N, C-alpha and C. Protein backbone atom coordinates (compact mmCIF):
# COMPACT_ATOMS: atom_id res chain seq x y z
N UNK A 1 20.34 20.22 -16.41
CA UNK A 1 19.88 18.38 -15.87
C UNK A 1 18.62 19.11 -15.04
N UNK A 2 17.45 17.76 -14.87
CA UNK A 2 16.89 18.81 -14.30
C UNK A 2 15.72 18.08 -13.81
N UNK A 3 14.77 18.47 -12.40
CA UNK A 3 14.22 17.33 -11.34
C UNK A 3 13.63 16.05 -11.51
N UNK A 4 12.94 15.50 -11.75
CA UNK A 4 12.59 14.78 -11.65
C UNK A 4 11.53 13.68 -10.14
N UNK A 5 10.07 13.91 -10.03
CA UNK A 5 10.42 13.07 -8.28
C UNK A 5 9.24 12.77 -9.05
N UNK A 6 9.37 12.22 -8.03
CA UNK A 6 9.19 10.14 -7.57
C UNK A 6 8.82 10.35 -6.57
N UNK A 7 7.85 9.32 -6.55
CA UNK A 7 6.83 9.35 -5.75
C UNK A 7 6.19 8.07 -4.78
N UNK A 8 5.76 7.94 -4.39
CA UNK A 8 5.77 6.31 -3.97
C UNK A 8 3.72 6.57 -2.66
N UNK A 9 3.39 5.49 -2.84
CA UNK A 9 1.76 5.77 -2.80
C UNK A 9 1.58 3.93 -1.59
N UNK A 10 0.78 4.12 -0.23
CA UNK A 10 1.10 2.25 -0.13
C UNK A 10 -0.27 2.66 0.14
N UNK A 11 -0.62 1.43 -0.35
CA UNK A 11 -2.72 1.26 0.34
C UNK A 11 -2.17 0.31 1.45
N UNK A 12 -3.66 -0.10 2.27
CA UNK A 12 -3.69 -0.87 3.64
C UNK A 12 -3.37 -0.77 4.19
N UNK A 13 -3.24 0.88 5.09
CA UNK A 13 -3.55 1.22 6.43
C UNK A 13 -4.84 0.57 7.37
N UNK A 14 -3.85 0.68 8.90
CA UNK A 14 -5.49 0.67 9.39
C UNK A 14 -6.38 1.77 9.21
N UNK A 15 -6.30 2.67 9.52
CA UNK A 15 -6.19 3.50 9.89
C UNK A 15 -7.77 4.30 8.38
N UNK A 16 -7.46 3.26 7.33
CA UNK A 16 -8.45 4.42 5.77
C UNK A 16 -9.48 2.73 6.52
N UNK A 17 -10.82 3.55 6.12
CA UNK A 17 -11.54 3.13 6.73
C UNK A 17 -12.90 3.24 5.46
N UNK A 18 -12.40 4.61 4.26
CA UNK A 18 -13.30 3.96 3.34
C UNK A 18 -12.68 3.81 2.01
N UNK A 19 -12.87 3.62 0.73
CA UNK A 19 -11.88 3.89 -0.80
C UNK A 19 -11.04 4.66 0.03
N UNK A 20 -10.29 4.24 -0.38
CA UNK A 20 -9.28 6.08 -0.56
C UNK A 20 -7.58 6.06 -1.98
N UNK A 21 -8.66 5.24 -2.77
CA UNK A 21 -8.51 4.99 -5.05
C UNK A 21 -9.01 6.79 -4.98
N UNK A 22 -9.97 6.99 -5.07
CA UNK A 22 -10.20 8.72 -5.19
C UNK A 22 -9.36 9.62 -5.16
N UNK A 23 -9.12 9.04 -3.46
CA UNK A 23 -8.29 10.70 -3.57
C UNK A 23 -6.91 10.45 -4.17
N UNK A 24 -6.65 9.48 -3.95
CA UNK A 24 -5.60 9.55 -3.90
C UNK A 24 -4.96 9.85 -5.68
N UNK A 25 -5.81 8.77 -6.42
CA UNK A 25 -5.34 9.16 -8.02
C UNK A 25 -5.93 10.47 -7.85
N UNK A 26 -6.66 11.04 -7.22
CA UNK A 26 -6.62 12.77 -7.38
C UNK A 26 -6.07 13.75 -7.43
N UNK A 27 -4.79 13.63 -6.06
CA UNK A 27 -3.45 13.71 -6.00
C UNK A 27 -1.85 13.55 -6.22
N UNK A 28 -2.35 12.50 -7.38
CA UNK A 28 -1.75 11.65 -8.55
C UNK A 28 -1.42 13.46 -10.01
N UNK A 29 -2.99 12.75 -9.56
CA UNK A 29 -3.12 14.40 -11.04
C UNK A 29 -2.64 15.08 -10.57
N UNK A 30 -3.66 15.72 -9.55
CA UNK A 30 -3.43 17.20 -9.03
C UNK A 30 -1.60 18.02 -9.93
N UNK A 31 -1.07 16.86 -9.13
CA UNK A 31 0.38 17.68 -8.43
C UNK A 31 0.72 16.77 -9.87
N UNK A 32 1.02 16.22 -10.72
CA UNK A 32 1.32 15.75 -12.44
C UNK A 32 3.57 15.29 -11.79
N UNK A 33 2.31 14.24 -10.47
CA UNK A 33 3.44 12.92 -10.37
C UNK A 33 4.19 12.28 -11.84
N UNK A 34 5.19 12.29 -12.45
CA UNK A 34 6.12 11.87 -13.44
C UNK A 34 6.26 10.93 -13.20
N UNK A 35 6.46 10.33 -11.72
CA UNK A 35 6.68 8.67 -11.71
C UNK A 35 6.22 8.51 -10.48
N UNK A 36 5.01 6.80 -10.72
CA UNK A 36 4.50 7.07 -9.65
C UNK A 36 4.73 5.87 -9.62
N UNK A 37 5.22 5.47 -7.87
CA UNK A 37 4.71 3.98 -7.82
C UNK A 37 3.57 3.60 -6.64
N UNK A 38 3.36 2.85 -6.23
CA UNK A 38 1.56 2.39 -5.83
C UNK A 38 1.95 1.03 -4.81
N UNK A 39 1.78 0.48 -3.81
CA UNK A 39 2.06 -0.68 -4.01
C UNK A 39 1.16 -1.09 -2.73
N UNK A 40 1.21 -2.62 -1.28
CA UNK A 40 0.89 -1.99 -0.89
C UNK A 40 1.21 -2.60 0.23
N UNK A 41 0.66 -1.65 1.26
CA UNK A 41 1.53 -2.61 2.84
C UNK A 41 2.41 -3.15 2.85
N UNK A 42 3.12 -3.64 4.10
CA UNK A 42 3.63 -4.64 3.63
C UNK A 42 5.02 -4.98 5.10
N UNK A 43 4.12 -6.02 6.21
CA UNK A 43 5.11 -6.01 7.30
C UNK A 43 6.04 -6.06 6.81
N UNK A 44 6.79 -5.85 7.27
CA UNK A 44 8.55 -6.09 6.17
C UNK A 44 8.79 -7.02 8.50
N UNK A 45 10.10 -7.93 8.72
CA UNK A 45 10.43 -7.66 9.55
C UNK A 45 10.74 -7.46 10.06
N UNK A 46 11.50 -7.43 11.21
CA UNK A 46 12.24 -6.90 12.90
C UNK A 46 12.14 -5.69 12.72
N UNK A 47 10.45 -5.19 12.58
CA UNK A 47 9.67 -3.91 12.35
C UNK A 47 9.30 -3.85 13.62
N UNK A 48 8.40 -1.81 13.73
CA UNK A 48 6.76 -1.68 14.42
C UNK A 48 5.76 -2.55 14.34
N UNK A 49 5.70 -2.43 12.84
CA UNK A 49 4.76 -2.89 12.38
C UNK A 49 4.19 -4.34 12.98
N UNK A 50 5.76 -4.44 12.41
CA UNK A 50 5.81 -6.82 12.65
C UNK A 50 5.02 -6.74 13.99
N UNK A 51 5.81 -6.25 14.84
CA UNK A 51 5.36 -6.23 16.82
C UNK A 51 4.15 -6.04 16.29
N UNK A 52 3.56 -5.42 16.91
CA UNK A 52 2.38 -4.77 16.86
C UNK A 52 1.74 -6.06 16.01
N UNK A 53 1.74 -6.02 14.55
CA UNK A 53 0.54 -6.48 14.21
C UNK A 53 1.29 -8.54 15.02
N UNK A 54 2.36 -8.93 14.78
CA UNK A 54 2.16 -10.09 16.07
C UNK A 54 1.31 -9.99 17.28
N UNK A 55 1.94 -8.99 17.72
CA UNK A 55 1.01 -8.52 18.88
C UNK A 55 -0.42 -8.80 18.63
N UNK A 56 -1.25 -8.50 18.35
CA UNK A 56 -2.76 -8.28 18.09
C UNK A 56 -2.38 -9.47 17.39
N UNK A 57 -2.20 -10.63 16.62
CA UNK A 57 -2.16 -11.82 16.18
C UNK A 57 -2.50 -11.54 14.86
N UNK A 58 -2.14 -10.95 14.55
CA UNK A 58 -2.77 -10.54 12.98
C UNK A 58 -1.99 -10.67 11.57
N UNK A 59 -0.33 -11.06 11.77
CA UNK A 59 0.68 -11.58 11.07
C UNK A 59 0.25 -12.41 9.80
N UNK A 60 0.52 -13.10 9.27
CA UNK A 60 0.38 -13.25 7.96
C UNK A 60 1.68 -14.49 8.04
N UNK A 61 2.76 -15.21 6.80
CA UNK A 61 3.36 -15.20 7.10
C UNK A 61 3.40 -14.44 5.61
N UNK A 62 5.13 -13.85 5.84
CA UNK A 62 5.46 -13.27 4.31
C UNK A 62 6.26 -14.05 3.70
N UNK A 63 5.35 -13.74 2.60
CA UNK A 63 5.17 -15.30 1.27
C UNK A 63 6.68 -15.15 0.93
N UNK A 64 7.24 -13.51 0.55
CA UNK A 64 8.16 -14.01 -0.63
C UNK A 64 9.53 -12.29 0.34
N UNK A 65 9.59 -12.48 0.97
CA UNK A 65 11.14 -11.23 1.86
C UNK A 65 11.62 -9.95 1.57
N UNK A 66 11.53 -9.80 -0.49
CA UNK A 66 12.33 -9.59 -0.72
C UNK A 66 12.17 -7.34 -0.95
N UNK A 67 10.87 -7.85 0.23
CA UNK A 67 10.19 -6.78 -0.45
C UNK A 67 9.63 -6.13 -1.57
N UNK A 68 8.72 -6.43 -2.01
CA UNK A 68 8.11 -6.58 -3.79
C UNK A 68 6.02 -6.37 -2.24
N UNK A 69 6.64 -5.09 -2.26
CA UNK A 69 4.59 -4.47 -2.12
C UNK A 69 3.60 -4.28 -2.88
N UNK A 70 4.75 -4.51 -3.91
CA UNK A 70 3.26 -5.20 -5.02
C UNK A 70 2.77 -6.25 -5.25
N UNK A 71 3.48 -7.46 -5.24
CA UNK A 71 3.45 -8.74 -5.05
C UNK A 71 2.39 -9.10 -3.78
N UNK A 72 3.14 -8.41 -2.69
CA UNK A 72 3.48 -9.39 -1.86
C UNK A 72 2.52 -9.15 -1.03
N UNK A 73 2.26 -7.67 -1.00
CA UNK A 73 1.99 -7.22 0.08
C UNK A 73 0.50 -7.47 1.46
N UNK A 74 0.15 -7.41 2.30
CA UNK A 74 -0.67 -7.37 2.90
C UNK A 74 -0.68 -8.50 3.08
N UNK A 75 0.87 -8.03 3.98
CA UNK A 75 1.07 -10.14 5.25
C UNK A 75 0.33 -9.93 6.57
N UNK A 76 -1.21 -9.32 6.20
CA UNK A 76 -1.42 -9.44 7.83
C UNK A 76 -2.70 -8.90 7.40
N UNK A 77 -3.47 -9.47 8.29
CA UNK A 77 -5.64 -9.81 8.92
C UNK A 77 -5.65 -7.97 8.03
N UNK A 78 -6.28 -7.21 8.04
CA UNK A 78 -6.26 -5.92 7.42
C UNK A 78 -7.79 -5.62 7.90
N UNK A 79 -7.49 -4.37 8.85
CA UNK A 79 -9.51 -4.45 8.71
C UNK A 79 -10.04 -3.67 8.41
N UNK A 80 -9.87 -2.86 7.49
CA UNK A 80 -11.03 -2.98 5.93
C UNK A 80 -11.66 -4.21 5.31
N UNK A 81 -12.20 -4.32 5.16
CA UNK A 81 -11.72 -5.40 3.67
C UNK A 81 -11.27 -5.52 2.24
N UNK A 82 -10.22 -7.16 2.84
CA UNK A 82 -9.16 -7.28 1.73
C UNK A 82 -9.35 -7.21 0.53
N UNK A 83 -10.54 -7.84 0.00
CA UNK A 83 -11.31 -7.41 -1.84
C UNK A 83 -11.44 -5.35 -2.29
N UNK A 84 -12.12 -4.96 -0.65
CA UNK A 84 -12.08 -3.19 -1.50
C UNK A 84 -10.11 -2.78 -0.95
N UNK A 85 -9.01 -3.50 -0.71
CA UNK A 85 -7.52 -2.38 -0.16
C UNK A 85 -7.92 -3.42 -1.66
N UNK A 86 -7.90 -4.36 -2.38
CA UNK A 86 -7.11 -5.13 -3.39
C UNK A 86 -7.78 -4.19 -4.57
N UNK A 87 -9.01 -4.13 -4.41
CA UNK A 87 -9.95 -3.40 -5.85
C UNK A 87 -8.88 -1.60 -5.62
N UNK A 88 -9.13 -0.27 -4.22
CA UNK A 88 -8.27 -0.02 -4.17
C UNK A 88 -7.08 0.12 -4.51
N UNK A 89 -6.50 -0.83 -5.12
CA UNK A 89 -5.12 -0.14 -5.68
C UNK A 89 -4.64 -1.14 -6.60
N UNK A 90 -5.57 -1.62 -7.27
CA UNK A 90 -6.07 -2.01 -8.67
C UNK A 90 -6.69 -0.83 -9.67
N UNK A 91 -7.35 0.10 -8.57
CA UNK A 91 -8.07 1.47 -9.25
C UNK A 91 -7.21 2.54 -9.59
N UNK A 92 -6.00 2.36 -8.31
CA UNK A 92 -5.55 3.99 -8.63
C UNK A 92 -4.30 3.17 -9.72
N UNK A 93 -3.25 1.68 -9.62
CA UNK A 93 -3.07 1.14 -11.08
C UNK A 93 -3.40 1.66 -12.08
N UNK A 94 -4.18 1.75 -12.24
CA UNK A 94 -5.38 1.90 -14.10
C UNK A 94 -5.44 2.74 -14.03
N UNK A 95 -4.89 4.11 -12.70
CA UNK A 95 -6.02 5.20 -13.47
C UNK A 95 -4.27 6.24 -13.74
N UNK A 96 -3.70 5.94 -12.44
CA UNK A 96 -2.05 6.51 -13.02
C UNK A 96 -1.50 5.64 -14.08
């Protein structure tokens, strides 16, 4: 039996100042990750992130609360333009 590496990557953090797609794609390819999951940051209920975003009046309603960051992520007002984050997400998925 062997070991299979599974890695998860999230796009949409406030700390992202520019496009993260090229670096993320380079990282995934350099590590030869066989199973890669990419998702959009989601503020889940009862978390510190949710409390912070509520305090900053940036939290939006969570449309689907099953933790599916692939289709319902970014349930908050983002610091980077939402379109840029979604373009990064799409570019990463297309590449990997």
